Amino acid sequence: MELCEFRDYVNCKALDVISGDGSYRRYLYQCVEKQDEWAVRMHCNVAKVTAYVRDIHGLVDRVRSLQCPVARVCTEVVTAMHAPVRVVPRLAVCAITGLHTQGCIDVSRATKTENPVLVHPKFHYFFLMLYYVHRLEHVVRSFTKYWLEQQDPEATMAQLTGAFGAQEQLFADMHRAFMEGSRHVVDSLQHYLST
């Protein structure tokens, strides 16, 4: 997947949040119907990224259908509202290996109060990337809401969309993390399924 394709996806989801009422999405679809080149390109790129993420969802669902500790942990991560970043400073048992470990990562959903799901720190990158890749739209929308809170409340829609779209380094960094993360997740899950 190319940076321009990923950028169109992020822009589309972000501008939908910035418009606040779905007006950007309606505008995009109107432009697609009129065959505006930019809108057709964006629509196709959003579909391409969505299909890529859906393929990863399918792989994750194959693992989640198994009766194993990894399936339970994957389910916790992909159904959570927040990324798995909480570190447990005490000695705890890893849900995957069964070993006592210092500094486990709590991957439980925030609303879950009983029996936290903890994993060894060596799995942190995998589960963080699983969350990012599997929940890409949620991540983009959450990031955009946070970004909006940092902007001038008097800014116009044109100023906001222009400022968001001008963040070249952000798009490049998100794309790099997404591609590296998705390769790691896919390779890890395929390896797990083949054993």
Protein backbone atom coordinates (compact mmCIF):
# COMPACT_ATOMS: atom_id res chain seq x y z
CA MET A 1 0.00 0.00 0.00
CA GLU A 2 1.36 3.38 -1.01
CA LEU A 3 1.57 6.45 1.19
CA CYS A 4 -0.86 8.37 -1.07
CA GLU A 5 -3.49 5.63 -0.64
CA PHE A 6 -3.08 5.59 3.12
CA ARG A 7 -3.11 9.39 3.25
CA ASP A 8 -6.43 9.50 1.37
CA TYR A 9 -7.91 7.04 3.87
CA VAL A 10 -6.74 9.04 6.88
CA ASN A 11 -7.85 12.32 5.32
CA CYS A 12 -11.29 10.94 4.49
CA LYS A 13 -11.90 9.63 8.02
CA ALA A 14 -10.41 12.74 9.65
CA LEU A 15 -12.33 15.21 7.50
CA ASP A 16 -15.52 13.34 8.33
CA VAL A 17 -14.75 13.98 12.02
CA ILE A 18 -13.81 17.61 11.39
CA SER A 19 -17.08 18.25 9.52
CA GLY A 20 -18.84 16.91 12.60
CA ASP A 21 -22.15 16.15 10.97
CA GLY A 22 -21.29 13.80 8.13
CA SER A 23 -21.36 16.61 5.59
CA TYR A 24 -17.89 15.75 4.29
CA ARG A 25 -18.90 12.15 3.62
CA ARG A 26 -22.02 13.33 1.74
CA TYR A 27 -19.93 15.83 -0.23
CA LEU A 28 -17.42 13.11 -1.14
CA TYR A 29 -20.16 10.79 -2.40
CA GLN A 30 -21.73 13.57 -4.44
CA CYS A 31 -18.35 14.26 -6.04
CA VAL A 32 -17.85 10.54 -6.73
CA GLU A 33 -21.24 10.42 -8.47
CA LYS A 34 -20.18 13.41 -10.60
CA GLN A 35 -16.95 11.49 -11.40
CA ASP A 36 -14.66 14.19 -9.95
CA GLU A 37 -11.18 12.73 -10.33
CA TRP A 38 -9.98 13.55 -6.79
CA ALA A 39 -13.13 12.08 -5.22
CA VAL A 40 -13.02 8.88 -7.28
CA ARG A 41 -9.34 8.46 -6.35
CA MET A 42 -10.04 9.04 -2.65
CA HIS A 43 -13.03 6.71 -2.67
CA CYS A 44 -10.98 3.95 -4.35
CA ASN A 45 -8.09 4.43 -1.92
CA VAL A 46 -10.41 4.30 1.10
CA ALA A 47 -11.85 1.05 -0.29
CA LYS A 48 -8.34 -0.34 -0.83
CA VAL A 49 -7.21 0.39 2.74
CA THR A 50 -10.51 -0.90 4.13
CA ALA A 51 -10.09 -4.18 2.20
CA TYR A 52 -6.50 -4.50 3.46
CA VAL A 53 -7.68 -4.06 7.06
CA ARG A 54 -10.57 -6.48 6.45
CA ASP A 55 -8.10 -9.15 5.34
CA ILE A 56 -6.26 -8.73 8.63
CA HIS A 57 -9.61 -8.92 10.48
CA GLY A 58 -10.15 -12.30 8.80
CA LEU A 59 -6.79 -13.56 9.98
CA VAL A 60 -7.45 -12.32 13.50
CA ASP A 61 -10.89 -13.96 13.45
CA ARG A 62 -9.29 -17.29 12.51
CA VAL A 63 -7.10 -17.05 15.62
CA ARG A 64 -10.00 -15.85 17.76
CA SER A 65 -12.01 -18.93 16.78
CA LEU A 66 -9.43 -21.21 18.42
CA GLN A 67 -9.74 -22.26 22.03
CA CYS A 68 -6.37 -20.99 23.23
CA PRO A 69 -4.86 -18.22 25.36
CA VAL A 70 -3.75 -16.20 22.31
CA ALA A 71 -7.36 -16.15 21.07
CA ARG A 72 -8.55 -14.74 24.39
CA VAL A 73 -5.87 -12.04 24.38
CA CYS A 74 -6.58 -11.10 20.74
CA THR A 75 -10.27 -10.77 21.56
CA GLU A 76 -9.51 -8.44 24.46
CA VAL A 77 -7.29 -6.26 22.30
CA VAL A 78 -9.50 -5.94 19.22
CA THR A 79 -12.65 -5.23 21.24
CA ALA A 80 -11.04 -2.62 23.52
CA MET A 81 -11.70 1.10 23.16
CA HIS A 82 -8.15 2.00 24.20
CA ALA A 83 -4.74 0.75 23.12
CA PRO A 84 -3.04 -1.81 25.39
CA VAL A 85 -0.52 0.42 27.16
CA ARG A 86 -1.16 -0.13 30.89
CA VAL A 87 1.92 -1.65 32.57
CA VAL A 88 1.43 -3.68 35.76
CA PRO A 89 4.43 -2.86 37.99
CA ARG A 90 4.11 -5.99 40.14
CA LEU A 91 4.86 -9.63 39.45
CA ALA A 92 2.03 -11.15 37.40
CA VAL A 93 1.24 -14.23 35.33
CA CYS A 94 1.32 -13.89 31.54
CA ALA A 95 -1.95 -15.11 29.98
CA ILE A 96 -0.05 -16.58 27.03
CA THR A 97 3.02 -18.23 28.55
CA GLY A 98 1.74 -18.87 32.09
CA LEU A 99 5.05 -17.54 33.45
CA HIS A 100 5.40 -15.07 36.32
CA THR A 101 6.80 -11.85 34.94
CA GLN A 102 7.53 -8.33 36.14
CA GLY A 103 6.06 -5.46 34.09
CA CYS A 104 3.26 -7.30 32.27
CA ILE A 105 0.98 -5.33 29.98
CA ASP A 106 -2.71 -5.25 30.90
CA VAL A 107 -4.60 -5.78 27.63
CA SER A 108 -8.02 -6.03 29.30
CA ARG A 109 -10.83 -3.81 28.17
CA ALA A 110 -11.03 -0.75 30.44
CA THR A 111 -14.59 -1.57 31.53
CA LYS A 112 -13.70 -5.10 32.53
CA THR A 113 -13.15 -5.31 36.28
CA GLU A 114 -12.55 -8.98 36.99
CA ASN A 115 -9.66 -11.20 35.96
CA PRO A 116 -7.38 -8.83 34.07
CA VAL A 117 -5.66 -10.23 31.00
CA LEU A 118 -1.92 -9.66 31.35
CA VAL A 119 0.83 -10.44 28.84
CA HIS A 120 4.61 -10.53 28.99
CA PRO A 121 6.26 -7.26 27.86
CA LYS A 122 7.87 -9.07 24.91
CA PHE A 123 4.38 -9.29 23.34
CA HIS A 124 3.65 -5.57 23.79
CA TYR A 125 4.64 -4.45 20.28
CA PHE A 126 2.55 -7.20 18.69
CA PHE A 127 -0.59 -6.33 20.64
CA LEU A 128 -0.09 -2.59 20.24
CA MET A 129 0.21 -3.04 16.47
CA LEU A 130 -2.73 -5.46 16.44
CA TYR A 131 -4.82 -2.74 18.03
CA TYR A 132 -3.57 -0.05 15.64
CA VAL A 133 -4.06 -2.11 12.49
CA HIS A 134 -7.34 -3.77 13.48
CA ARG A 135 -8.86 -0.55 14.84
CA LEU A 136 -7.37 1.89 12.29
CA GLU A 137 -10.57 3.85 11.70
CA HIS A 138 -11.13 4.23 15.44
CA VAL A 139 -7.53 5.35 15.92
CA VAL A 140 -7.79 7.96 13.16
CA ARG A 141 -11.11 9.28 14.44
CA SER A 142 -9.87 9.43 18.06
CA PHE A 143 -6.67 11.16 17.01
CA THR A 144 -8.62 13.69 14.95
CA LYS A 145 -10.93 14.50 17.87
CA TYR A 146 -7.88 15.09 20.06
CA TRP A 147 -6.24 17.19 17.31
CA LEU A 148 -9.40 19.30 16.99
CA GLU A 149 -9.32 20.09 20.71
CA GLN A 150 -5.85 21.64 20.21
CA GLN A 151 -6.99 23.95 17.39
CA ASP A 152 -8.29 27.50 17.53
CA PRO A 153 -12.04 27.29 18.26
CA GLU A 154 -12.56 30.23 15.88
CA ALA A 155 -10.92 28.42 12.94
CA THR A 156 -13.09 27.90 9.87
CA MET A 157 -13.76 24.52 8.31
CA ALA A 158 -11.41 25.42 5.44
CA GLN A 159 -8.63 26.37 7.86
CA LEU A 160 -9.06 23.16 9.84
CA THR A 161 -9.11 20.87 6.81
CA GLY A 162 -6.10 22.69 5.34
CA ALA A 163 -4.15 22.44 8.60
CA PHE A 164 -4.94 18.76 9.01
CA GLY A 165 -4.01 17.94 5.42
CA ALA A 166 -0.71 19.82 5.70
CA GLN A 167 0.71 17.38 8.30
CA GLU A 168 2.98 15.54 5.86
CA GLN A 169 5.19 14.02 8.55
CA LEU A 170 2.18 12.73 10.47
CA PHE A 171 0.89 10.89 7.41
CA ALA A 172 4.34 9.46 6.68
CA ASP A 173 4.82 8.30 10.28
CA MET A 174 1.36 6.76 10.50
CA HIS A 175 1.86 4.98 7.17
CA ARG A 176 5.27 3.61 8.18
CA ALA A 177 3.92 2.38 11.54
CA PHE A 178 0.87 0.86 9.84
CA MET A 179 2.89 -1.00 7.22
CA GLU A 180 5.51 -2.26 9.66
CA GLY A 181 2.86 -3.14 12.22
CA SER A 182 0.59 -4.92 9.77
CA ARG A 183 3.51 -7.01 8.43
CA HIS A 184 4.46 -7.97 11.99
CA VAL A 185 0.87 -8.85 12.91
CA VAL A 186 0.22 -10.86 9.74
CA ASP A 187 3.55 -12.72 9.92
CA SER A 188 3.05 -13.51 13.62
CA LEU A 189 -0.53 -14.71 13.21
CA GLN A 190 0.26 -16.79 10.12
CA HIS A 191 3.18 -18.37 11.95
CA TYR A 192 0.95 -19.09 14.95
CA LEU A 193 -1.75 -20.65 12.76
CA SER A 194 0.77 -22.85 10.98
CA THR A 195 2.14 -24.39 14.21
